[in-house]
Full PDB file with SEQRES, HELIX, SHEET, SSBOND, CRYST1, ORIGX, SCALE, CONECT and MASTER records, all heavy atoms in Angstrom:
SEQRES   1 A   30  LEU LYS LYS VAL ILE ASN ILE LEU GLY ASP GLU ALA ARG          
SEQRES   2 A   30  VAL ASN PHE PRO TYR ALA LEU ASN PHE LEU TYR LEU LEU          
SEQRES   3 A   30  GLY LYS LEU THR                                              
HELIX    1 AA1 LYS A    2  LEU A    8  1                                   7    
HELIX    2 AA2 ASP A   10  ARG A   13  5                                   4    
HELIX    3 AA3 PHE A   16  LEU A   25  1                                  10    
CRYST1    1.000    1.000    1.000  90.00  90.00  90.00 P 1           1          
ORIGX1      1.000000  0.000000  0.000000        0.00000                         
ORIGX2      0.000000  1.000000  0.000000        0.00000                         
ORIGX3      0.000000  0.000000  1.000000        0.00000                         
SCALE1      1.000000  0.000000  0.000000        0.00000                         
SCALE2      0.000000  1.000000  0.000000        0.00000                         
SCALE3      0.000000  0.000000  1.000000        0.00000                         
ATOM      1  N   LEU A   1      10.433 -41.476 -14.965  1.00  0.00           N  
ATOM      2  CA  LEU A   1      11.426 -40.435 -14.315  1.00  0.00           C  
ATOM      3  C   LEU A   1      11.622 -40.730 -12.885  1.00  0.00           C  
ATOM      4  O   LEU A   1      12.812 -40.772 -12.434  1.00  0.00           O  
ATOM      5  CB  LEU A   1      10.815 -39.035 -14.527  1.00  0.00           C  
ATOM      6  CG  LEU A   1      11.628 -37.901 -13.901  1.00  0.00           C  
ATOM      7  CD1 LEU A   1      13.013 -37.834 -14.520  1.00  0.00           C  
ATOM      8  CD2 LEU A   1      10.943 -36.553 -14.126  1.00  0.00           C  
ATOM      9  N   LYS A   2      10.671 -41.075 -12.111  1.00  0.00           N  
ATOM     10  CA  LYS A   2      10.857 -41.376 -10.718  1.00  0.00           C  
ATOM     11  C   LYS A   2      11.704 -42.641 -10.540  1.00  0.00           C  
ATOM     12  O   LYS A   2      12.578 -42.643  -9.632  1.00  0.00           O  
ATOM     13  CB  LYS A   2       9.442 -41.665 -10.048  1.00  0.00           C  
ATOM     14  CG  LYS A   2       8.724 -40.464  -9.786  1.00  0.00           C  
ATOM     15  CD  LYS A   2       7.378 -40.722  -9.174  1.00  0.00           C  
ATOM     16  CE  LYS A   2       6.472 -39.442  -9.073  1.00  0.00           C  
ATOM     17  NZ  LYS A   2       5.158 -39.741  -8.597  1.00  0.00           N  
ATOM     18  N   LYS A   3      11.494 -43.644 -11.331  1.00  0.00           N  
ATOM     19  CA  LYS A   3      12.332 -44.873 -11.297  1.00  0.00           C  
ATOM     20  C   LYS A   3      13.788 -44.527 -11.567  1.00  0.00           C  
ATOM     21  O   LYS A   3      14.686 -44.935 -10.808  1.00  0.00           O  
ATOM     22  CB  LYS A   3      11.821 -45.832 -12.339  1.00  0.00           C  
ATOM     23  CG  LYS A   3      12.554 -47.120 -12.302  1.00  0.00           C  
ATOM     24  CD  LYS A   3      12.322 -47.978 -11.123  1.00  0.00           C  
ATOM     25  CE  LYS A   3      12.862 -49.334 -11.250  1.00  0.00           C  
ATOM     26  NZ  LYS A   3      12.574 -50.225 -10.097  1.00  0.00           N  
ATOM     27  N   VAL A   4      14.111 -43.773 -12.601  1.00  0.00           N  
ATOM     28  CA  VAL A   4      15.416 -43.334 -12.916  1.00  0.00           C  
ATOM     29  C   VAL A   4      16.072 -42.536 -11.764  1.00  0.00           C  
ATOM     30  O   VAL A   4      17.214 -42.750 -11.353  1.00  0.00           O  
ATOM     31  CB  VAL A   4      15.577 -42.553 -14.262  1.00  0.00           C  
ATOM     32  CG1 VAL A   4      16.856 -41.931 -14.401  1.00  0.00           C  
ATOM     33  CG2 VAL A   4      15.124 -43.499 -15.396  1.00  0.00           C  
ATOM     34  N   ILE A   5      15.278 -41.656 -11.205  1.00  0.00           N  
ATOM     35  CA  ILE A   5      15.836 -40.771 -10.104  1.00  0.00           C  
ATOM     36  C   ILE A   5      16.108 -41.658  -8.870  1.00  0.00           C  
ATOM     37  O   ILE A   5      17.116 -41.458  -8.104  1.00  0.00           O  
ATOM     38  CB  ILE A   5      14.873 -39.617  -9.780  1.00  0.00           C  
ATOM     39  CG1 ILE A   5      14.951 -38.621 -10.920  1.00  0.00           C  
ATOM     40  CG2 ILE A   5      15.232 -39.005  -8.494  1.00  0.00           C  
ATOM     41  CD1 ILE A   5      13.924 -37.571 -10.848  1.00  0.00           C  
ATOM     42  N   ASN A   6      15.198 -42.618  -8.597  1.00  0.00           N  
ATOM     43  CA  ASN A   6      15.383 -43.504  -7.412  1.00  0.00           C  
ATOM     44  C   ASN A   6      16.693 -44.391  -7.584  1.00  0.00           C  
ATOM     45  O   ASN A   6      17.388 -44.608  -6.566  1.00  0.00           O  
ATOM     46  CB  ASN A   6      14.233 -44.498  -7.305  1.00  0.00           C  
ATOM     47  CG  ASN A   6      13.082 -43.786  -6.648  1.00  0.00           C  
ATOM     48  OD1 ASN A   6      13.213 -42.769  -5.954  1.00  0.00           O  
ATOM     49  ND2 ASN A   6      11.883 -44.344  -6.847  1.00  0.00           N  
ATOM     50  N   ILE A   7      17.014 -44.710  -8.847  1.00  0.00           N  
ATOM     51  CA  ILE A   7      18.161 -45.569  -9.008  1.00  0.00           C  
ATOM     52  C   ILE A   7      19.502 -44.661  -9.074  1.00  0.00           C  
ATOM     53  O   ILE A   7      20.566 -45.065  -8.559  1.00  0.00           O  
ATOM     54  CB  ILE A   7      18.038 -46.412 -10.299  1.00  0.00           C  
ATOM     55  CG1 ILE A   7      16.942 -47.476 -10.089  1.00  0.00           C  
ATOM     56  CG2 ILE A   7      19.337 -47.149 -10.674  1.00  0.00           C  
ATOM     57  CD1 ILE A   7      16.526 -48.185 -11.317  1.00  0.00           C  
ATOM     58  N   LEU A   8      19.502 -43.627  -9.924  1.00  0.00           N  
ATOM     59  CA  LEU A   8      20.626 -42.882 -10.155  1.00  0.00           C  
ATOM     60  C   LEU A   8      20.809 -41.568  -9.338  1.00  0.00           C  
ATOM     61  O   LEU A   8      21.877 -40.967  -9.370  1.00  0.00           O  
ATOM     62  CB  LEU A   8      20.701 -42.567 -11.664  1.00  0.00           C  
ATOM     63  CG  LEU A   8      20.874 -43.761 -12.570  1.00  0.00           C  
ATOM     64  CD1 LEU A   8      20.817 -43.284 -13.979  1.00  0.00           C  
ATOM     65  CD2 LEU A   8      22.119 -44.487 -12.308  1.00  0.00           C  
ATOM     66  N   GLY A   9      19.727 -41.139  -8.707  1.00  0.00           N  
ATOM     67  CA  GLY A   9      19.806 -39.847  -7.989  1.00  0.00           C  
ATOM     68  C   GLY A   9      19.212 -38.693  -8.783  1.00  0.00           C  
ATOM     69  O   GLY A   9      18.933 -38.769  -9.957  1.00  0.00           O  
ATOM     70  N   ASP A  10      18.981 -37.598  -8.114  1.00  0.00           N  
ATOM     71  CA  ASP A  10      18.366 -36.454  -8.639  1.00  0.00           C  
ATOM     72  C   ASP A  10      19.132 -35.791  -9.780  1.00  0.00           C  
ATOM     73  O   ASP A  10      18.516 -35.171 -10.721  1.00  0.00           O  
ATOM     74  CB  ASP A  10      18.184 -35.412  -7.605  1.00  0.00           C  
ATOM     75  CG  ASP A  10      17.154 -34.347  -7.971  1.00  0.00           C  
ATOM     76  OD1 ASP A  10      16.059 -34.821  -8.496  1.00  0.00           O  
ATOM     77  OD2 ASP A  10      17.442 -33.133  -7.838  1.00  0.00           O  
ATOM     78  N   GLU A  11      20.479 -36.003  -9.904  1.00  0.00           N  
ATOM     79  CA  GLU A  11      21.174 -35.427 -10.991  1.00  0.00           C  
ATOM     80  C   GLU A  11      20.852 -36.029 -12.342  1.00  0.00           C  
ATOM     81  O   GLU A  11      21.076 -35.472 -13.374  1.00  0.00           O  
ATOM     82  CB  GLU A  11      22.774 -35.516 -10.680  1.00  0.00           C  
ATOM     83  CG  GLU A  11      23.220 -36.960 -10.603  1.00  0.00           C  
ATOM     84  CD  GLU A  11      23.143 -37.562  -9.222  1.00  0.00           C  
ATOM     85  OE1 GLU A  11      22.716 -36.829  -8.302  1.00  0.00           O  
ATOM     86  OE2 GLU A  11      23.540 -38.703  -9.081  1.00  0.00           O  
ATOM     87  N   ALA A  12      20.244 -37.223 -12.327  1.00  0.00           N  
ATOM     88  CA  ALA A  12      19.858 -37.860 -13.599  1.00  0.00           C  
ATOM     89  C   ALA A  12      18.639 -37.159 -14.215  1.00  0.00           C  
ATOM     90  O   ALA A  12      18.425 -37.341 -15.396  1.00  0.00           O  
ATOM     91  CB  ALA A  12      19.468 -39.342 -13.290  1.00  0.00           C  
ATOM     92  N   ARG A  13      18.023 -36.310 -13.503  1.00  0.00           N  
ATOM     93  CA  ARG A  13      16.813 -35.529 -14.071  1.00  0.00           C  
ATOM     94  C   ARG A  13      17.216 -34.738 -15.178  1.00  0.00           C  
ATOM     95  O   ARG A  13      16.437 -34.596 -16.202  1.00  0.00           O  
ATOM     96  CB  ARG A  13      16.222 -34.705 -12.978  1.00  0.00           C  
ATOM     97  CG  ARG A  13      14.987 -33.903 -13.367  1.00  0.00           C  
ATOM     98  CD  ARG A  13      14.576 -32.973 -12.238  1.00  0.00           C  
ATOM     99  NE  ARG A  13      14.282 -33.648 -10.986  1.00  0.00           N  
ATOM    100  CZ  ARG A  13      13.107 -34.172 -10.566  1.00  0.00           C  
ATOM    101  NH1 ARG A  13      12.073 -34.044 -11.367  1.00  0.00           N  
ATOM    102  NH2 ARG A  13      13.038 -34.699  -9.386  1.00  0.00           N  
ATOM    103  N   VAL A  14      18.470 -34.152 -15.249  1.00  0.00           N  
ATOM    104  CA  VAL A  14      18.887 -33.295 -16.264  1.00  0.00           C  
ATOM    105  C   VAL A  14      19.060 -34.056 -17.612  1.00  0.00           C  
ATOM    106  O   VAL A  14      18.735 -33.579 -18.616  1.00  0.00           O  
ATOM    107  CB  VAL A  14      20.234 -32.691 -15.890  1.00  0.00           C  
ATOM    108  CG1 VAL A  14      20.784 -31.797 -17.025  1.00  0.00           C  
ATOM    109  CG2 VAL A  14      20.052 -31.775 -14.662  1.00  0.00           C  
ATOM    110  N   ASN A  15      19.532 -35.270 -17.563  1.00  0.00           N  
ATOM    111  CA  ASN A  15      19.820 -36.009 -18.793  1.00  0.00           C  
ATOM    112  C   ASN A  15      18.661 -36.919 -19.198  1.00  0.00           C  
ATOM    113  O   ASN A  15      18.741 -37.563 -20.253  1.00  0.00           O  
ATOM    114  CB  ASN A  15      21.114 -36.801 -18.614  1.00  0.00           C  
ATOM    115  CG  ASN A  15      22.294 -35.949 -18.643  1.00  0.00           C  
ATOM    116  OD1 ASN A  15      22.359 -34.998 -19.432  1.00  0.00           O  
ATOM    117  ND2 ASN A  15      23.273 -36.245 -17.814  1.00  0.00           N  
ATOM    118  N   PHE A  16      17.675 -37.042 -18.377  1.00  0.00           N  
ATOM    119  CA  PHE A  16      16.508 -37.931 -18.670  1.00  0.00           C  
ATOM    120  C   PHE A  16      15.887 -37.615 -20.029  1.00  0.00           C  
ATOM    121  O   PHE A  16      15.696 -38.582 -20.819  1.00  0.00           O  
ATOM    122  CB  PHE A  16      15.469 -37.836 -17.569  1.00  0.00           C  
ATOM    123  CG  PHE A  16      14.287 -38.699 -17.762  1.00  0.00           C  
ATOM    124  CD1 PHE A  16      14.356 -40.058 -17.524  1.00  0.00           C  
ATOM    125  CD2 PHE A  16      13.037 -38.174 -18.126  1.00  0.00           C  
ATOM    126  CE1 PHE A  16      13.333 -40.983 -17.811  1.00  0.00           C  
ATOM    127  CE2 PHE A  16      11.976 -38.995 -18.304  1.00  0.00           C  
ATOM    128  CZ  PHE A  16      12.110 -40.388 -18.102  1.00  0.00           C  
ATOM    129  N   PRO A  17      15.528 -36.347 -20.370  1.00  0.00           N  
ATOM    130  CA  PRO A  17      14.963 -36.107 -21.663  1.00  0.00           C  
ATOM    131  C   PRO A  17      15.838 -36.448 -22.876  1.00  0.00           C  
ATOM    132  O   PRO A  17      15.412 -36.852 -23.897  1.00  0.00           O  
ATOM    133  CB  PRO A  17      14.621 -34.657 -21.677  1.00  0.00           C  
ATOM    134  CG  PRO A  17      14.647 -34.176 -20.300  1.00  0.00           C  
ATOM    135  CD  PRO A  17      15.583 -35.122 -19.564  1.00  0.00           C  
ATOM    136  N   TYR A  18      17.144 -36.255 -22.617  1.00  0.00           N  
ATOM    137  CA  TYR A  18      18.131 -36.555 -23.675  1.00  0.00           C  
ATOM    138  C   TYR A  18      18.151 -38.083 -23.894  1.00  0.00           C  
ATOM    139  O   TYR A  18      18.334 -38.557 -25.093  1.00  0.00           O  
ATOM    140  CB  TYR A  18      19.567 -36.055 -23.306  1.00  0.00           C  
ATOM    141  CG  TYR A  18      19.521 -34.514 -23.182  1.00  0.00           C  
ATOM    142  CD1 TYR A  18      19.794 -33.932 -22.017  1.00  0.00           C  
ATOM    143  CD2 TYR A  18      19.226 -33.723 -24.288  1.00  0.00           C  
ATOM    144  CE1 TYR A  18      19.792 -32.554 -21.855  1.00  0.00           C  
ATOM    145  CE2 TYR A  18      19.257 -32.305 -24.205  1.00  0.00           C  
ATOM    146  CZ  TYR A  18      19.538 -31.767 -22.938  1.00  0.00           C  
ATOM    147  OH  TYR A  18      19.527 -30.431 -22.805  1.00  0.00           O  
ATOM    148  N   ALA A  19      18.126 -38.881 -22.844  1.00  0.00           N  
ATOM    149  CA  ALA A  19      18.080 -40.273 -23.024  1.00  0.00           C  
ATOM    150  C   ALA A  19      16.862 -40.770 -23.716  1.00  0.00           C  
ATOM    151  O   ALA A  19      16.900 -41.679 -24.598  1.00  0.00           O  
ATOM    152  CB  ALA A  19      18.115 -40.951 -21.622  1.00  0.00           C  
ATOM    153  N   LEU A  20      15.668 -40.208 -23.435  1.00  0.00           N  
ATOM    154  CA  LEU A  20      14.463 -40.593 -24.155  1.00  0.00           C  
ATOM    155  C   LEU A  20      14.581 -40.191 -25.614  1.00  0.00           C  
ATOM    156  O   LEU A  20      14.214 -41.024 -26.453  1.00  0.00           O  
ATOM    157  CB  LEU A  20      13.286 -39.738 -23.575  1.00  0.00           C  
ATOM    158  CG  LEU A  20      12.786 -40.322 -22.232  1.00  0.00           C  
ATOM    159  CD1 LEU A  20      11.708 -39.335 -21.637  1.00  0.00           C  
ATOM    160  CD2 LEU A  20      12.177 -41.640 -22.300  1.00  0.00           C  
ATOM    161  N   ASN A  21      15.163 -39.034 -25.908  1.00  0.00           N  
ATOM    162  CA  ASN A  21      15.345 -38.582 -27.361  1.00  0.00           C  
ATOM    163  C   ASN A  21      16.276 -39.585 -28.049  1.00  0.00           C  
ATOM    164  O   ASN A  21      16.012 -39.983 -29.189  1.00  0.00           O  
ATOM    165  CB  ASN A  21      15.841 -37.230 -27.448  1.00  0.00           C  
ATOM    166  CG  ASN A  21      14.806 -36.124 -27.130  1.00  0.00           C  
ATOM    167  OD1 ASN A  21      13.581 -36.385 -27.177  1.00  0.00           O  
ATOM    168  ND2 ASN A  21      15.282 -35.043 -26.718  1.00  0.00           N  
ATOM    169  N   PHE A  22      17.322 -39.997 -27.405  1.00  0.00           N  
ATOM    170  CA  PHE A  22      18.306 -40.891 -27.918  1.00  0.00           C  
ATOM    171  C   PHE A  22      17.605 -42.201 -28.303  1.00  0.00           C  
ATOM    172  O   PHE A  22      17.802 -42.703 -29.404  1.00  0.00           O  
ATOM    173  CB  PHE A  22      19.408 -41.123 -26.911  1.00  0.00           C  
ATOM    174  CG  PHE A  22      20.421 -42.155 -27.221  1.00  0.00           C  
ATOM    175  CD1 PHE A  22      21.315 -41.954 -28.262  1.00  0.00           C  
ATOM    176  CD2 PHE A  22      20.483 -43.362 -26.534  1.00  0.00           C  
ATOM    177  CE1 PHE A  22      22.242 -42.891 -28.633  1.00  0.00           C  
ATOM    178  CE2 PHE A  22      21.386 -44.327 -26.904  1.00  0.00           C  
ATOM    179  CZ  PHE A  22      22.328 -44.068 -27.903  1.00  0.00           C  
ATOM    180  N   LEU A  23      16.852 -42.753 -27.413  1.00  0.00           N  
ATOM    181  CA  LEU A  23      16.155 -44.033 -27.663  1.00  0.00           C  
ATOM    182  C   LEU A  23      15.076 -43.858 -28.753  1.00  0.00           C  
ATOM    183  O   LEU A  23      14.921 -44.812 -29.586  1.00  0.00           O  
ATOM    184  CB  LEU A  23      15.452 -44.534 -26.401  1.00  0.00           C  
ATOM    185  CG  LEU A  23      16.490 -45.020 -25.323  1.00  0.00           C  
ATOM    186  CD1 LEU A  23      15.764 -45.362 -24.025  1.00  0.00           C  
ATOM    187  CD2 LEU A  23      17.305 -46.242 -25.806  1.00  0.00           C  
ATOM    188  N   TYR A  24      14.409 -42.710 -28.749  1.00  0.00           N  
ATOM    189  CA  TYR A  24      13.363 -42.503 -29.821  1.00  0.00           C  
ATOM    190  C   TYR A  24      14.028 -42.474 -31.188  1.00  0.00           C  
ATOM    191  O   TYR A  24      13.552 -43.065 -32.111  1.00  0.00           O  
ATOM    192  CB  TYR A  24      12.667 -41.262 -29.476  1.00  0.00           C  
ATOM    193  CG  TYR A  24      11.521 -40.934 -30.480  1.00  0.00           C  
ATOM    194  CD1 TYR A  24      10.254 -41.587 -30.358  1.00  0.00           C  
ATOM    195  CD2 TYR A  24      11.708 -40.065 -31.512  1.00  0.00           C  
ATOM    196  CE1 TYR A  24       9.299 -41.374 -31.240  1.00  0.00           C  
ATOM    197  CE2 TYR A  24      10.721 -39.795 -32.359  1.00  0.00           C  
ATOM    198  CZ  TYR A  24       9.448 -40.375 -32.309  1.00  0.00           C  
ATOM    199  OH  TYR A  24       8.536 -40.216 -33.245  1.00  0.00           O  
ATOM    200  N   LEU A  25      15.114 -41.704 -31.303  1.00  0.00           N  
ATOM    201  CA  LEU A  25      15.818 -41.662 -32.552  1.00  0.00           C  
ATOM    202  C   LEU A  25      16.420 -42.956 -33.055  1.00  0.00           C  
ATOM    203  O   LEU A  25      16.526 -43.174 -34.279  1.00  0.00           O  
ATOM    204  CB  LEU A  25      16.889 -40.572 -32.405  1.00  0.00           C  
ATOM    205  CG  LEU A  25      16.469 -39.128 -32.356  1.00  0.00           C  
ATOM    206  CD1 LEU A  25      17.581 -38.200 -32.077  1.00  0.00           C  
ATOM    207  CD2 LEU A  25      15.660 -38.798 -33.610  1.00  0.00           C  
ATOM    208  N   LEU A  26      16.767 -43.871 -32.126  1.00  0.00           N  
ATOM    209  CA  LEU A  26      17.239 -45.178 -32.426  1.00  0.00           C  
ATOM    210  C   LEU A  26      16.103 -46.144 -32.815  1.00  0.00           C  
ATOM    211  O   LEU A  26      16.318 -47.286 -33.200  1.00  0.00           O  
ATOM    212  CB  LEU A  26      18.063 -45.780 -31.295  1.00  0.00           C  
ATOM    213  CG  LEU A  26      19.477 -45.141 -31.048  1.00  0.00           C  
ATOM    214  CD1 LEU A  26      20.014 -45.823 -29.799  1.00  0.00           C  
ATOM    215  CD2 LEU A  26      20.315 -45.363 -32.245  1.00  0.00           C  
ATOM    216  N   GLY A  27      14.823 -45.659 -32.636  1.00  0.00           N  
ATOM    217  CA  GLY A  27      13.674 -46.556 -32.866  1.00  0.00           C  
ATOM    218  C   GLY A  27      13.432 -47.551 -31.833  1.00  0.00           C  
ATOM    219  O   GLY A  27      12.849 -48.594 -32.148  1.00  0.00           O  
ATOM    220  N   LYS A  28      13.762 -47.292 -30.655  1.00  0.00           N  
ATOM    221  CA  LYS A  28      13.670 -48.330 -29.518  1.00  0.00           C  
ATOM    222  C   LYS A  28      12.368 -48.085 -28.704  1.00  0.00           C  
ATOM    223  O   LYS A  28      11.864 -48.916 -27.960  1.00  0.00           O  
ATOM    224  CB  LYS A  28      14.861 -48.212 -28.543  1.00  0.00           C  
ATOM    225  CG  LYS A  28      16.157 -48.556 -29.223  1.00  0.00           C  
ATOM    226  CD  LYS A  28      16.160 -50.044 -29.657  1.00  0.00           C  
ATOM    227  CE  LYS A  28      17.463 -50.428 -30.287  1.00  0.00           C  
ATOM    228  NZ  LYS A  28      17.419 -51.815 -30.757  1.00  0.00           N  
ATOM    229  N   LEU A  29      11.685 -46.887 -28.866  1.00  0.00           N  
ATOM    230  CA  LEU A  29      10.500 -46.699 -28.080  1.00  0.00           C  
ATOM    231  C   LEU A  29       9.545 -45.723 -28.872  1.00  0.00           C  
ATOM    232  O   LEU A  29       9.996 -45.026 -29.801  1.00  0.00           O  
ATOM    233  CB  LEU A  29      10.774 -46.071 -26.758  1.00  0.00           C  
ATOM    234  CG  LEU A  29      11.568 -44.793 -26.625  1.00  0.00           C  
ATOM    235  CD1 LEU A  29      10.761 -43.580 -26.741  1.00  0.00           C  
ATOM    236  CD2 LEU A  29      12.229 -44.774 -25.190  1.00  0.00           C  
ATOM    237  N   THR A  30       8.291 -45.838 -28.544  1.00  0.00           N  
ATOM    238  CA  THR A  30       7.279 -44.916 -29.097  1.00  0.00           C  
ATOM    239  C   THR A  30       6.590 -44.107 -27.921  1.00  0.00           C  
ATOM    240  O   THR A  30       6.651 -44.609 -26.784  1.00  0.00           O  
ATOM    241  CB  THR A  30       6.198 -45.664 -29.874  1.00  0.00           C  
ATOM    242  OG1 THR A  30       5.549 -46.566 -28.942  1.00  0.00           O  
ATOM    243  CG2 THR A  30       6.777 -46.405 -31.014  1.00  0.00           C  
TER     244      THR A  30                                                      
MASTER        0    0    0    3    0    0    0    6  243    1    0    3          
END                                                                             
């Protein structure tokens, strides 16, 4: 989360969980 916020800014915090869910559903992470 800190890495994403450092790169994209604090507004990325809102969509961070959705991005994780997206990747999990695609089978890209555990």
